[in-house]
Amino acid sequence: MNFLSKAFRIRFYKFYNEVYLPEHRDPRTVFFHALGTIMGLIWIPFSILFLHPITIVCFPVIHGVPGIFAHRLFERNEKVGNLRINRKDYSNLWFILANHIFTFQLVFYFSRRELYEKN
């Protein structure tokens, strides 16, 4: 079942393939983006269950800082700037969604790869 309209999916995947992926070619940047996404997703239940729930406000920092750090060090872009959260050409939510899709694709790829290498 797909909750997103076909028009949105077409616009989003055009953005994903033409804007997001070309800006994330360096493997180190990819690693830091995936690390930030995974740490952010772990932080939400951890902060609710084991820490005070107010610590969930740290999520944007835990989720975003590794990617910002990676772009600053490894993949600078003069046109866009190093701090990509200030971009106005696309919604920040699209970048967050793209980060999650990118991370899940990587996890799926490497989990399938290990499965095939064992056989």
PDB file of N, CA and C in Angstrom:
ATOM      1  N   MET A   1       0.849  -1.170   0.000  1.00  0.00           N
ATOM      2  CA  MET A   1       0.000   0.000   0.000  1.00  0.00           C
ATOM      3  C   MET A   1       0.897   1.236   0.000  1.00  0.00           C
ATOM      4  N   ASN A   2       0.579   2.176  -0.835  1.00  0.00           N
ATOM      5  CA  ASN A   2       1.393   3.376  -0.943  1.00  0.00           C
ATOM      6  C   ASN A   2       0.575   4.580  -0.483  1.00  0.00           C
ATOM      7  N   PHE A   3       1.117   5.300   0.518  1.00  0.00           N
ATOM      8  CA  PHE A   3       0.394   6.429   1.101  1.00  0.00           C
ATOM      9  C   PHE A   3       0.656   7.739   0.370  1.00  0.00           C
ATOM     10  N   LEU A   4       1.667   7.782  -0.467  1.00  0.00           N
ATOM     11  CA  LEU A   4       2.012   9.011  -1.166  1.00  0.00           C
ATOM     12  C   LEU A   4       1.425   9.007  -2.567  1.00  0.00           C
ATOM     13  N   SER A   5       0.982  10.170  -2.988  1.00  0.00           N
ATOM     14  CA  SER A   5       0.392  10.253  -4.320  1.00  0.00           C
ATOM     15  C   SER A   5       1.452  10.019  -5.392  1.00  0.00           C
ATOM     16  N   LYS A   6       1.004   9.590  -6.541  1.00  0.00           N
ATOM     17  CA  LYS A   6       1.923   9.321  -7.643  1.00  0.00           C
ATOM     18  C   LYS A   6       2.642  10.596  -8.082  1.00  0.00           C
ATOM     19  N   ALA A   7       1.939  11.727  -8.085  1.00  0.00           N
ATOM     20  CA  ALA A   7       2.556  13.001  -8.479  1.00  0.00           C
ATOM     21  C   ALA A   7       3.686  13.380  -7.532  1.00  0.00           C
ATOM     22  N   PHE A   8       3.469  13.170  -6.205  1.00  0.00           N
ATOM     23  CA  PHE A   8       4.526  13.472  -5.241  1.00  0.00           C
ATOM     24  C   PHE A   8       5.717  12.547  -5.445  1.00  0.00           C
ATOM     25  N   ARG A   9       5.452  11.267  -5.626  1.00  0.00           N
ATOM     26  CA  ARG A   9       6.554  10.305  -5.816  1.00  0.00           C
ATOM     27  C   ARG A   9       7.375  10.646  -7.043  1.00  0.00           C
ATOM     28  N   ILE A  10       6.733  11.059  -8.123  1.00  0.00           N
ATOM     29  CA  ILE A  10       7.464  11.428  -9.346  1.00  0.00           C
ATOM     30  C   ILE A  10       8.339  12.642  -9.083  1.00  0.00           C
ATOM     31  N   ARG A  11       7.789  13.677  -8.421  1.00  0.00           N
ATOM     32  CA  ARG A  11       8.588  14.869  -8.110  1.00  0.00           C
ATOM     33  C   ARG A  11       9.713  14.552  -7.143  1.00  0.00           C
ATOM     34  N   PHE A  12       9.427  13.736  -6.120  1.00  0.00           N
ATOM     35  CA  PHE A  12      10.446  13.425  -5.131  1.00  0.00           C
ATOM     36  C   PHE A  12      11.581  12.611  -5.743  1.00  0.00           C
ATOM     37  N   TYR A  13      11.268  11.578  -6.516  1.00  0.00           N
ATOM     38  CA  TYR A  13      12.333  10.746  -7.068  1.00  0.00           C
ATOM     39  C   TYR A  13      13.132  11.475  -8.145  1.00  0.00           C
ATOM     40  N   LYS A  14      12.520  12.451  -8.783  1.00  0.00           N
ATOM     41  CA  LYS A  14      13.295  13.299  -9.689  1.00  0.00           C
ATOM     42  C   LYS A  14      14.306  14.103  -8.876  1.00  0.00           C
ATOM     43  N   PHE A  15      13.870  14.692  -7.770  1.00  0.00           N
ATOM     44  CA  PHE A  15      14.776  15.396  -6.860  1.00  0.00           C
ATOM     45  C   PHE A  15      15.853  14.454  -6.332  1.00  0.00           C
ATOM     46  N   TYR A  16      15.446  13.265  -5.902  1.00  0.00           N
ATOM     47  CA  TYR A  16      16.365  12.286  -5.308  1.00  0.00           C
ATOM     48  C   TYR A  16      17.470  11.904  -6.296  1.00  0.00           C
ATOM     49  N   ASN A  17      17.093  11.625  -7.534  1.00  0.00           N
ATOM     50  CA  ASN A  17      18.070  11.179  -8.529  1.00  0.00           C
ATOM     51  C   ASN A  17      18.888  12.309  -9.131  1.00  0.00           C
ATOM     52  N   GLU A  18      18.310  13.493  -9.266  1.00  0.00           N
ATOM     53  CA  GLU A  18      19.012  14.590  -9.943  1.00  0.00           C
ATOM     54  C   GLU A  18      19.707  15.565  -8.995  1.00  0.00           C
ATOM     55  N   VAL A  19      19.265  15.646  -7.751  1.00  0.00           N
ATOM     56  CA  VAL A  19      19.857  16.599  -6.812  1.00  0.00           C
ATOM     57  C   VAL A  19      20.572  15.881  -5.671  1.00  0.00           C
ATOM     58  N   TYR A  20      19.855  15.006  -4.980  1.00  0.00           N
ATOM     59  CA  TYR A  20      20.398  14.401  -3.767  1.00  0.00           C
ATOM     60  C   TYR A  20      21.568  13.446  -4.053  1.00  0.00           C
ATOM     61  N   LEU A  21      21.358  12.489  -4.929  1.00  0.00           N
ATOM     62  CA  LEU A  21      22.428  11.505  -5.188  1.00  0.00           C
ATOM     63  C   LEU A  21      23.707  12.119  -5.752  1.00  0.00           C
ATOM     64  N   PRO A  22      23.649  13.061  -6.696  1.00  0.00           N
ATOM     65  CA  PRO A  22      24.900  13.663  -7.167  1.00  0.00           C
ATOM     66  C   PRO A  22      25.668  14.424  -6.082  1.00  0.00           C
ATOM     67  N   GLU A  23      24.979  14.894  -5.060  1.00  0.00           N
ATOM     68  CA  GLU A  23      25.655  15.598  -3.970  1.00  0.00           C
ATOM     69  C   GLU A  23      26.205  14.645  -2.915  1.00  0.00           C
ATOM     70  N   HIS A  24      25.987  13.363  -3.084  1.00  0.00           N
ATOM     71  CA  HIS A  24      26.428  12.375  -2.103  1.00  0.00           C
ATOM     72  C   HIS A  24      27.193  11.250  -2.796  1.00  0.00           C
ATOM     73  N   ARG A  25      28.272  11.599  -3.444  1.00  0.00           N
ATOM     74  CA  ARG A  25      29.079  10.613  -4.180  1.00  0.00           C
ATOM     75  C   ARG A  25      30.247  10.079  -3.359  1.00  0.00           C
ATOM     76  N   ASP A  26      30.750  10.873  -2.442  1.00  0.00           N
ATOM     77  CA  ASP A  26      31.897  10.459  -1.636  1.00  0.00           C
ATOM     78  C   ASP A  26      31.447   9.411  -0.614  1.00  0.00           C
ATOM     79  N   PRO A  27      32.114   8.256  -0.552  1.00  0.00           N
ATOM     80  CA  PRO A  27      31.707   7.206   0.392  1.00  0.00           C
ATOM     81  C   PRO A  27      31.759   7.652   1.852  1.00  0.00           C
ATOM     82  N   ARG A  28      32.655   8.567   2.169  1.00  0.00           N
ATOM     83  CA  ARG A  28      32.732   9.056   3.551  1.00  0.00           C
ATOM     84  C   ARG A  28      31.498   9.872   3.898  1.00  0.00           C
ATOM     85  N   THR A  29      31.016  10.656   2.963  1.00  0.00           N
ATOM     86  CA  THR A  29      29.795  11.431   3.193  1.00  0.00           C
ATOM     87  C   THR A  29      28.602  10.494   3.343  1.00  0.00           C
ATOM     88  N   VAL A  30      28.552   9.480   2.513  1.00  0.00           N
ATOM     89  CA  VAL A  30      27.479   8.486   2.599  1.00  0.00           C
ATOM     90  C   VAL A  30      27.495   7.813   3.967  1.00  0.00           C
ATOM     91  N   PHE A  31      28.690   7.438   4.420  1.00  0.00           N
ATOM     92  CA  PHE A  31      28.824   6.789   5.724  1.00  0.00           C
ATOM     93  C   PHE A  31      28.307   7.690   6.842  1.00  0.00           C
ATOM     94  N   PHE A  32      28.719   8.955   6.833  1.00  0.00           N
ATOM     95  CA  PHE A  32      28.294   9.864   7.902  1.00  0.00           C
ATOM     96  C   PHE A  32      26.800  10.153   7.850  1.00  0.00           C
ATOM     97  N   HIS A  33      26.230  10.226   6.667  1.00  0.00           N
ATOM     98  CA  HIS A  33      24.781  10.420   6.566  1.00  0.00           C
ATOM     99  C   HIS A  33      24.039   9.209   7.128  1.00  0.00           C
ATOM    100  N   ALA A  34      24.485   8.021   6.761  1.00  0.00           N
ATOM    101  CA  ALA A  34      23.844   6.808   7.275  1.00  0.00           C
ATOM    102  C   ALA A  34      24.020   6.711   8.789  1.00  0.00           C
ATOM    103  N   LEU A  35      25.199   7.044   9.270  1.00  0.00           N
ATOM    104  CA  LEU A  35      25.459   7.019  10.711  1.00  0.00           C
ATOM    105  C   LEU A  35      24.526   7.970  11.450  1.00  0.00           C
ATOM    106  N   GLY A  36      24.374   9.179  10.952  1.00  0.00           N
ATOM    107  CA  GLY A  36      23.479  10.149  11.589  1.00  0.00           C
ATOM    108  C   GLY A  36      22.032   9.695  11.577  1.00  0.00           C
ATOM    109  N   THR A  37      21.602   9.120  10.471  1.00  0.00           N
ATOM    110  CA  THR A  37      20.215   8.646  10.383  1.00  0.00           C
ATOM    111  C   THR A  37      19.974   7.506  11.363  1.00  0.00           C
ATOM    112  N   ILE A  38      20.886   6.551  11.403  1.00  0.00           N
ATOM    113  CA  ILE A  38      20.728   5.410  12.314  1.00  0.00           C
ATOM    114  C   ILE A  38      20.801   5.868  13.767  1.00  0.00           C
ATOM    115  N   MET A  39      21.760   6.745  14.089  1.00  0.00           N
ATOM    116  CA  MET A  39      21.855   7.251  15.469  1.00  0.00           C
ATOM    117  C   MET A  39      20.590   8.010  15.855  1.00  0.00           C
ATOM    118  N   GLY A  40      20.040   8.792  14.934  1.00  0.00           N
ATOM    119  CA  GLY A  40      18.813   9.524  15.219  1.00  0.00           C
ATOM    120  C   GLY A  40      17.638   8.598  15.466  1.00  0.00           C
ATOM    121  N   LEU A  41      17.535   7.552  14.664  1.00  0.00           N
ATOM    122  CA  LEU A  41      16.426   6.610  14.837  1.00  0.00           C
ATOM    123  C   LEU A  41      16.569   5.789  16.119  1.00  0.00           C
ATOM    124  N   ILE A  42      17.788   5.535  16.549  1.00  0.00           N
ATOM    125  CA  ILE A  42      18.016   4.848  17.823  1.00  0.00           C
ATOM    126  C   ILE A  42      17.757   5.803  18.986  1.00  0.00           C
ATOM    127  N   TRP A  43      18.080   7.074  18.813  1.00  0.00           N
ATOM    128  CA  TRP A  43      17.954   8.049  19.889  1.00  0.00           C
ATOM    129  C   TRP A  43      16.504   8.247  20.338  1.00  0.00           C
ATOM    130  N   ILE A  44      15.562   8.234  19.420  1.00  0.00           N
ATOM    131  CA  ILE A  44      14.163   8.516  19.783  1.00  0.00           C
ATOM    132  C   ILE A  44      13.635   7.522  20.825  1.00  0.00           C
ATOM    133  N   PRO A  45      13.643   6.199  20.573  1.00  0.00           N
ATOM    134  CA  PRO A  45      13.129   5.300  21.613  1.00  0.00           C
ATOM    135  C   PRO A  45      14.027   5.256  22.851  1.00  0.00           C
ATOM    136  N   PHE A  46      15.347   5.411  22.659  1.00  0.00           N
ATOM    137  CA  PHE A  46      16.261   5.405  23.795  1.00  0.00           C
ATOM    138  C   PHE A  46      15.950   6.559  24.740  1.00  0.00           C
ATOM    139  N   SER A  47      15.737   7.738  24.192  1.00  0.00           N
ATOM    140  CA  SER A  47      15.471   8.891  25.054  1.00  0.00           C
ATOM    141  C   SER A  47      14.113   8.787  25.730  1.00  0.00           C
ATOM    142  N   ILE A  48      13.145   8.199  25.071  1.00  0.00           N
ATOM    143  CA  ILE A  48      11.808   8.062  25.666  1.00  0.00           C
ATOM    144  C   ILE A  48      11.813   6.995  26.760  1.00  0.00           C
ATOM    145  N   LEU A  49      12.501   5.882  26.516  1.00  0.00           N
ATOM    146  CA  LEU A  49      12.462   4.772  27.459  1.00  0.00           C
ATOM    147  C   LEU A  49      13.456   4.910  28.614  1.00  0.00           C
ATOM    148  N   PHE A  50      14.655   5.387  28.343  1.00  0.00           N
ATOM    149  CA  PHE A  50      15.704   5.341  29.353  1.00  0.00           C
ATOM    150  C   PHE A  50      16.115   6.707  29.903  1.00  0.00           C
ATOM    151  N   LEU A  51      15.884   7.738  29.171  1.00  0.00           N
ATOM    152  CA  LEU A  51      16.227   9.078  29.623  1.00  0.00           C
ATOM    153  C   LEU A  51      14.945   9.862  29.838  1.00  0.00           C
ATOM    154  N   HIS A  52      15.080  11.080  30.180  1.00  0.00           N
ATOM    155  CA  HIS A  52      13.896  11.925  30.297  1.00  0.00           C
ATOM    156  C   HIS A  52      13.386  12.232  28.887  1.00  0.00           C
ATOM    157  N   PRO A  53      12.084  12.145  28.640  1.00  0.00           N
ATOM    158  CA  PRO A  53      11.561  12.375  27.288  1.00  0.00           C
ATOM    159  C   PRO A  53      11.932  13.730  26.674  1.00  0.00           C
ATOM    160  N   ILE A  54      12.285  14.707  27.493  1.00  0.00           N
ATOM    161  CA  ILE A  54      12.657  16.010  26.951  1.00  0.00           C
ATOM    162  C   ILE A  54      13.953  15.905  26.148  1.00  0.00           C
ATOM    163  N   THR A  55      14.739  14.870  26.389  1.00  0.00           N
ATOM    164  CA  THR A  55      15.999  14.710  25.643  1.00  0.00           C
ATOM    165  C   THR A  55      15.758  14.393  24.173  1.00  0.00           C
ATOM    166  N   ILE A  56      14.523  14.146  23.803  1.00  0.00           N
ATOM    167  CA  ILE A  56      14.217  13.917  22.392  1.00  0.00           C
ATOM    168  C   ILE A  56      14.487  15.176  21.563  1.00  0.00           C
ATOM    169  N   VAL A  57      14.563  16.339  22.218  1.00  0.00           N
ATOM    170  CA  VAL A  57      14.867  17.570  21.482  1.00  0.00           C
ATOM    171  C   VAL A  57      16.282  17.541  20.907  1.00  0.00           C
ATOM    172  N   CYS A  58      17.128  16.622  21.356  1.00  0.00           N
ATOM    173  CA  CYS A  58      18.477  16.471  20.806  1.00  0.00           C
ATOM    174  C   CYS A  58      18.468  15.750  19.462  1.00  0.00           C
ATOM    175  N   PHE A  59      17.326  15.211  19.072  1.00  0.00           N
ATOM    176  CA  PHE A  59      17.247  14.440  17.826  1.00  0.00           C
ATOM    177  C   PHE A  59      17.781  15.186  16.607  1.00  0.00           C
ATOM    178  N   PRO A  60      17.393  16.452  16.357  1.00  0.00           N
ATOM    179  CA  PRO A  60      17.912  17.119  15.154  1.00  0.00           C
ATOM    180  C   PRO A  60      19.441  17.232  15.139  1.00  0.00           C
ATOM    181  N   VAL A  61      20.033  17.407  16.310  1.00  0.00           N
ATOM    182  CA  VAL A  61      21.494  17.504  16.382  1.00  0.00           C
ATOM    183  C   VAL A  61      22.124  16.151  16.097  1.00  0.00           C
ATOM    184  N   ILE A  62      21.627  15.109  16.747  1.00  0.00           N
ATOM    185  CA  ILE A  62      22.183  13.769  16.564  1.00  0.00           C
ATOM    186  C   ILE A  62      21.965  13.292  15.134  1.00  0.00           C
ATOM    187  N   HIS A  63      20.830  13.621  14.578  1.00  0.00           N
ATOM    188  CA  HIS A  63      20.486  13.179  13.234  1.00  0.00           C
ATOM    189  C   HIS A  63      21.239  13.961  12.163  1.00  0.00           C
ATOM    190  N   GLY A  64      21.409  15.262  12.351  1.00  0.00           N
ATOM    191  CA  GLY A  64      21.935  16.110  11.289  1.00  0.00           C
ATOM    192  C   GLY A  64      23.414  16.423  11.315  1.00  0.00           C
ATOM    193  N   VAL A  65      24.016  16.464  12.492  1.00  0.00           N
ATOM    194  CA  VAL A  65      25.405  16.901  12.599  1.00  0.00           C
ATOM    195  C   VAL A  65      26.377  16.014  11.820  1.00  0.00           C
ATOM    196  N   PRO A  66      26.255  14.690  11.842  1.00  0.00           N
ATOM    197  CA  PRO A  66      27.214  13.897  11.054  1.00  0.00           C
ATOM    198  C   PRO A  66      27.200  14.229   9.567  1.00  0.00           C
ATOM    199  N   GLY A  67      26.021  14.449   8.991  1.00  0.00           N
ATOM    200  CA  GLY A  67      25.939  14.802   7.571  1.00  0.00           C
ATOM    201  C   GLY A  67      26.521  16.175   7.283  1.00  0.00           C
ATOM    202  N   ILE A  68      26.222  17.135   8.140  1.00  0.00           N
ATOM    203  CA  ILE A  68      26.782  18.480   7.975  1.00  0.00           C
ATOM    204  C   ILE A  68      28.299  18.432   8.084  1.00  0.00           C
ATOM    205  N   PHE A  69      28.787  17.684   9.067  1.00  0.00           N
ATOM    206  CA  PHE A  69      30.222  17.493   9.268  1.00  0.00           C
ATOM    207  C   PHE A  69      30.867  16.891   8.016  1.00  0.00           C
ATOM    208  N   ALA A  70      30.234  15.867   7.450  1.00  0.00           N
ATOM    209  CA  ALA A  70      30.783  15.201   6.266  1.00  0.00           C
ATOM    210  C   ALA A  70      30.823  16.137   5.065  1.00  0.00           C
ATOM    211  N   HIS A  71      29.780  16.906   4.863  1.00  0.00           N
ATOM    212  CA  HIS A  71      29.782  17.844   3.736  1.00  0.00           C
ATOM    213  C   HIS A  71      30.839  18.925   3.927  1.00  0.00           C
ATOM    214  N   ARG A  72      31.035  19.341   5.145  1.00  0.00           N
ATOM    215  CA  ARG A  72      32.047  20.364   5.426  1.00  0.00           C
ATOM    216  C   ARG A  72      33.448  19.832   5.145  1.00  0.00           C
ATOM    217  N   LEU A  73      33.702  18.573   5.489  1.00  0.00           N
ATOM    218  CA  LEU A  73      35.039  18.013   5.323  1.00  0.00           C
ATOM    219  C   LEU A  73      35.300  17.401   3.950  1.00  0.00           C
ATOM    220  N   PHE A  74      34.339  16.672   3.413  1.00  0.00           N
ATOM    221  CA  PHE A  74      34.616  15.829   2.253  1.00  0.00           C
ATOM    222  C   PHE A  74      33.961  16.297   0.952  1.00  0.00           C
ATOM    223  N   GLU A  75      32.777  16.844   1.012  1.00  0.00           N
ATOM    224  CA  GLU A  75      32.046  17.196  -0.208  1.00  0.00           C
ATOM    225  C   GLU A  75      31.551  18.629  -0.143  1.00  0.00           C
ATOM    226  N   ARG A  76      32.460  19.535  -0.306  1.00  0.00           N
ATOM    227  CA  ARG A  76      32.081  20.948  -0.300  1.00  0.00           C
ATOM    228  C   ARG A  76      31.420  21.305  -1.622  1.00  0.00           C
ATOM    229  N   ASN A  77      30.481  22.216  -1.553  1.00  0.00           N
ATOM    230  CA  ASN A  77      29.766  22.650  -2.740  1.00  0.00           C
ATOM    231  C   ASN A  77      29.614  24.162  -2.652  1.00  0.00           C
ATOM    232  N   GLU A  78      30.343  24.864  -3.483  1.00  0.00           N
ATOM    233  CA  GLU A  78      30.333  26.330  -3.440  1.00  0.00           C
ATOM    234  C   GLU A  78      28.964  26.906  -3.782  1.00  0.00           C
ATOM    235  N   LYS A  79      28.263  26.273  -4.710  1.00  0.00           N
ATOM    236  CA  LYS A  79      26.966  26.785  -5.136  1.00  0.00           C
ATOM    237  C   LYS A  79      25.922  26.666  -4.027  1.00  0.00           C
ATOM    238  N   VAL A  80      25.930  25.537  -3.348  1.00  0.00           N
ATOM    239  CA  VAL A  80      24.939  25.271  -2.315  1.00  0.00           C
ATOM    240  C   VAL A  80      25.416  25.771  -0.956  1.00  0.00           C
ATOM    241  N   GLY A  81      26.704  25.686  -0.709  1.00  0.00           N
ATOM    242  CA  GLY A  81      27.246  26.040   0.597  1.00  0.00           C
ATOM    243  C   GLY A  81      27.435  24.801   1.445  1.00  0.00           C
ATOM    244  N   ASN A  82      28.214  24.932   2.476  1.00  0.00           N
ATOM    245  CA  ASN A  82      28.505  23.792   3.335  1.00  0.00           C
ATOM    246  C   ASN A  82      27.369  23.472   4.299  1.00  0.00           C
ATOM    247  N   LEU A  83      26.633  24.483   4.698  1.00  0.00           N
ATOM    248  CA  LEU A  83      25.541  24.274   5.633  1.00  0.00           C
ATOM    249  C   LEU A  83      24.245  24.137   4.839  1.00  0.00           C
ATOM    250  N   ARG A  84      23.922  22.931   4.493  1.00  0.00           N
ATOM    251  CA  ARG A  84      22.820  22.698   3.561  1.00  0.00           C
ATOM    252  C   ARG A  84      21.450  22.840   4.182  1.00  0.00           C
ATOM    253  N   ILE A  85      21.393  23.003   5.484  1.00  0.00           N
ATOM    254  CA  ILE A  85      20.076  23.201   6.100  1.00  0.00           C
ATOM    255  C   ILE A  85      19.517  24.574   5.764  1.00  0.00           C
ATOM    256  N   ASN A  86      20.355  25.448   5.227  1.00  0.00           N
ATOM    257  CA  ASN A  86      19.895  26.779   4.827  1.00  0.00           C
ATOM    258  C   ASN A  86      19.395  26.819   3.385  1.00  0.00           C
ATOM    259  N   ARG A  87      19.341  25.702   2.729  1.00  0.00           N
ATOM    260  CA  ARG A  87      18.906  25.685   1.329  1.00  0.00           C
ATOM    261  C   ARG A  87      17.453  26.114   1.201  1.00  0.00           C
ATOM    262  N   LYS A  88      17.183  26.841   0.143  1.00  0.00           N
ATOM    263  CA  LYS A  88      15.818  27.296  -0.114  1.00  0.00           C
ATOM    264  C   LYS A  88      15.249  26.722  -1.408  1.00  0.00           C
ATOM    265  N   ASP A  89      16.069  25.996  -2.179  1.00  0.00           N
ATOM    266  CA  ASP A  89      15.574  25.477  -3.451  1.00  0.00           C
ATOM    267  C   ASP A  89      14.674  24.258  -3.280  1.00  0.00           C
ATOM    268  N   TYR A  90      14.871  23.498  -2.205  1.00  0.00           N
ATOM    269  CA  TYR A  90      14.029  22.328  -1.912  1.00  0.00           C
ATOM    270  C   TYR A  90      13.721  22.321  -0.422  1.00  0.00           C
ATOM    271  N   SER A  91      12.639  21.691  -0.066  1.00  0.00           N
ATOM    272  CA  SER A  91      12.236  21.601   1.333  1.00  0.00           C
ATOM    273  C   SER A  91      13.243  20.767   2.124  1.00  0.00           C
ATOM    274  N   ASN A  92      13.497  21.175   3.364  1.00  0.00           N
ATOM    275  CA  ASN A  92      14.383  20.387   4.225  1.00  0.00           C
ATOM    276  C   ASN A  92      13.807  19.001   4.494  1.00  0.00           C
ATOM    277  N   LEU A  93      12.490  18.902   4.485  1.00  0.00           N
ATOM    278  CA  LEU A  93      11.874  17.588   4.701  1.00  0.00           C
ATOM    279  C   LEU A  93      12.215  16.613   3.579  1.00  0.00           C
ATOM    280  N   TRP A  94      12.401  17.124   2.373  1.00  0.00           N
ATOM    281  CA  TRP A  94      12.780  16.250   1.268  1.00  0.00           C
ATOM    282  C   TRP A  94      14.173  15.674   1.513  1.00  0.00           C
ATOM    283  N   PHE A  95      15.074  16.490   2.053  1.00  0.00           N
ATOM    284  CA  PHE A  95      16.425  16.000   2.344  1.00  0.00           C
ATOM    285  C   PHE A  95      16.404  14.981   3.479  1.00  0.00           C
ATOM    286  N   ILE A  96      15.562  15.218   4.468  1.00  0.00           N
ATOM    287  CA  ILE A  96      15.445  14.248   5.569  1.00  0.00           C
ATOM    288  C   ILE A  96      14.885  12.937   5.039  1.00  0.00           C
ATOM    289  N   LEU A  97      13.845  13.014   4.234  1.00  0.00           N
ATOM    290  CA  LEU A  97      13.267  11.808   3.635  1.00  0.00           C
ATOM    291  C   LEU A  97      14.297  11.107   2.752  1.00  0.00           C
ATOM    292  N   ALA A  98      15.046  11.877   1.979  1.00  0.00           N
ATOM    293  CA  ALA A  98      16.081  11.279   1.116  1.00  0.00           C
ATOM    294  C   ALA A  98      17.163  10.608   1.945  1.00  0.00           C
ATOM    295  N   ASN A  99      17.550  11.209   3.076  1.00  0.00           N
ATOM    296  CA  ASN A  99      18.540  10.582   3.960  1.00  0.00           C
ATOM    297  C   ASN A  99      18.053   9.225   4.453  1.00  0.00           C
ATOM    298  N   HIS A 100      16.787   9.165   4.844  1.00  0.00           N
ATOM    299  CA  HIS A 100      16.239   7.909   5.358  1.00  0.00           C
ATOM    300  C   HIS A 100      16.144   6.858   4.250  1.00  0.00           C
ATOM    301  N   ILE A 101      15.686   7.253   3.088  1.00  0.00           N
ATOM    302  CA  ILE A 101      15.600   6.311   1.973  1.00  0.00           C
ATOM    303  C   ILE A 101      16.988   5.804   1.606  1.00  0.00           C
ATOM    304  N   PHE A 102      17.944   6.720   1.537  1.00  0.00           N
ATOM    305  CA  PHE A 102      19.331   6.374   1.206  1.00  0.00           C
ATOM    306  C   PHE A 102      19.895   5.384   2.217  1.00  0.00           C
ATOM    307  N   THR A 103      19.674   5.639   3.505  1.00  0.00           N
ATOM    308  CA  THR A 103      20.178   4.750   4.551  1.00  0.00           C
ATOM    309  C   THR A 103      19.534   3.377   4.458  1.00  0.00           C
ATOM    310  N   PHE A 104      18.225   3.325   4.279  1.00  0.00           N
ATOM    311  CA  PHE A 104      17.554   2.033   4.198  1.00  0.00           C
ATOM    312  C   PHE A 104      17.977   1.266   2.947  1.00  0.00           C
ATOM    313  N   GLN A 105      18.232   1.968   1.857  1.00  0.00           N
ATOM    314  CA  GLN A 105      18.741   1.286   0.663  1.00  0.00           C
ATOM    315  C   GLN A 105      20.121   0.685   0.921  1.00  0.00           C
ATOM    316  N   LEU A 106      20.980   1.416   1.621  1.00  0.00           N
ATOM    317  CA  LEU A 106      22.309   0.899   1.945  1.00  0.00           C
ATOM    318  C   LEU A 106      22.241  -0.314   2.861  1.00  0.00           C
ATOM    319  N   VAL A 107      21.418  -0.221   3.888  1.00  0.00           N
ATOM    320  CA  VAL A 107      21.268  -1.343   4.813  1.00  0.00           C
ATOM    321  C   VAL A 107      20.731  -2.561   4.075  1.00  0.00           C
ATOM    322  N   PHE A 108      19.741  -2.367   3.237  1.00  0.00           N
ATOM    323  CA  PHE A 108      19.176  -3.474   2.466  1.00  0.00           C
ATOM    324  C   PHE A 108      20.227  -4.072   1.534  1.00  0.00           C
ATOM    325  N   TYR A 109      20.977  -3.204   0.845  1.00  0.00           N
ATOM    326  CA  TYR A 109      22.002  -3.680  -0.087  1.00  0.00           C
ATOM    327  C   TYR A 109      23.048  -4.519   0.640  1.00  0.00           C
ATOM    328  N   PHE A 110      23.569  -4.018   1.755  1.00  0.00           N
ATOM    329  CA  PHE A 110      24.626  -4.753   2.449  1.00  0.00           C
ATOM    330  C   PHE A 110      24.101  -5.997   3.138  1.00  0.00           C
ATOM    331  N   SER A 111      22.855  -6.003   3.586  1.00  0.00           N
ATOM    332  CA  SER A 111      22.309  -7.221   4.183  1.00  0.00           C
ATOM    333  C   SER A 111      22.114  -8.294   3.114  1.00  0.00           C
ATOM    334  N   ARG A 112      21.683  -7.900   1.925  1.00  0.00           N
ATOM    335  CA  ARG A 112      21.525  -8.870   0.832  1.00  0.00           C
ATOM    336  C   ARG A 112      22.881  -9.354   0.336  1.00  0.00           C
ATOM    337  N   ARG A 113      23.856  -8.469   0.313  1.00  0.00           N
ATOM    338  CA  ARG A 113      25.194  -8.811  -0.158  1.00  0.00           C
ATOM    339  C   ARG A 113      25.831  -9.879   0.729  1.00  0.00           C
ATOM    340  N   GLU A 114      25.689  -9.715   2.057  1.00  0.00           N
ATOM    341  CA  GLU A 114      26.233 -10.710   2.972  1.00  0.00           C
ATOM    342  C   GLU A 114      25.517 -12.039   2.810  1.00  0.00           C
ATOM    343  N   LEU A 115      24.239 -12.002   2.548  1.00  0.00           N
ATOM    344  CA  LEU A 115      23.471 -13.228   2.366  1.00  0.00           C
ATOM    345  C   LEU A 115      23.976 -13.997   1.142  1.00  0.00           C
ATOM    346  N   TYR A 116      24.243 -13.285   0.046  1.00  0.00           N
ATOM    347  CA  TYR A 116      24.727 -13.929  -1.162  1.00  0.00           C
ATOM    348  C   TYR A 116      26.160 -14.413  -1.023  1.00  0.00           C
ATOM    349  N   GLU A 117      26.978 -13.715  -0.246  1.00  0.00           N
ATOM    350  CA  GLU A 117      28.370 -14.131  -0.071  1.00  0.00           C
ATOM    351  C   GLU A 117      28.462 -15.405   0.748  1.00  0.00           C
ATOM    352  N   LYS A 118      27.507 -15.656   1.647  1.00  0.00           N
ATOM    353  CA  LYS A 118      27.527 -16.859   2.464  1.00  0.00           C
ATOM    354  C   LYS A 118      27.131 -18.097   1.670  1.00  0.00           C
ATOM    355  N   ASN A 119      26.361 -17.906   0.621  1.00  0.00           N
ATOM    356  CA  ASN A 119      25.894 -19.052  -0.181  1.00  0.00           C
ATOM    357  C   ASN A 119      26.810 -19.357  -1.318  1.00  0.00           C
TER     358      ASN A 119
END
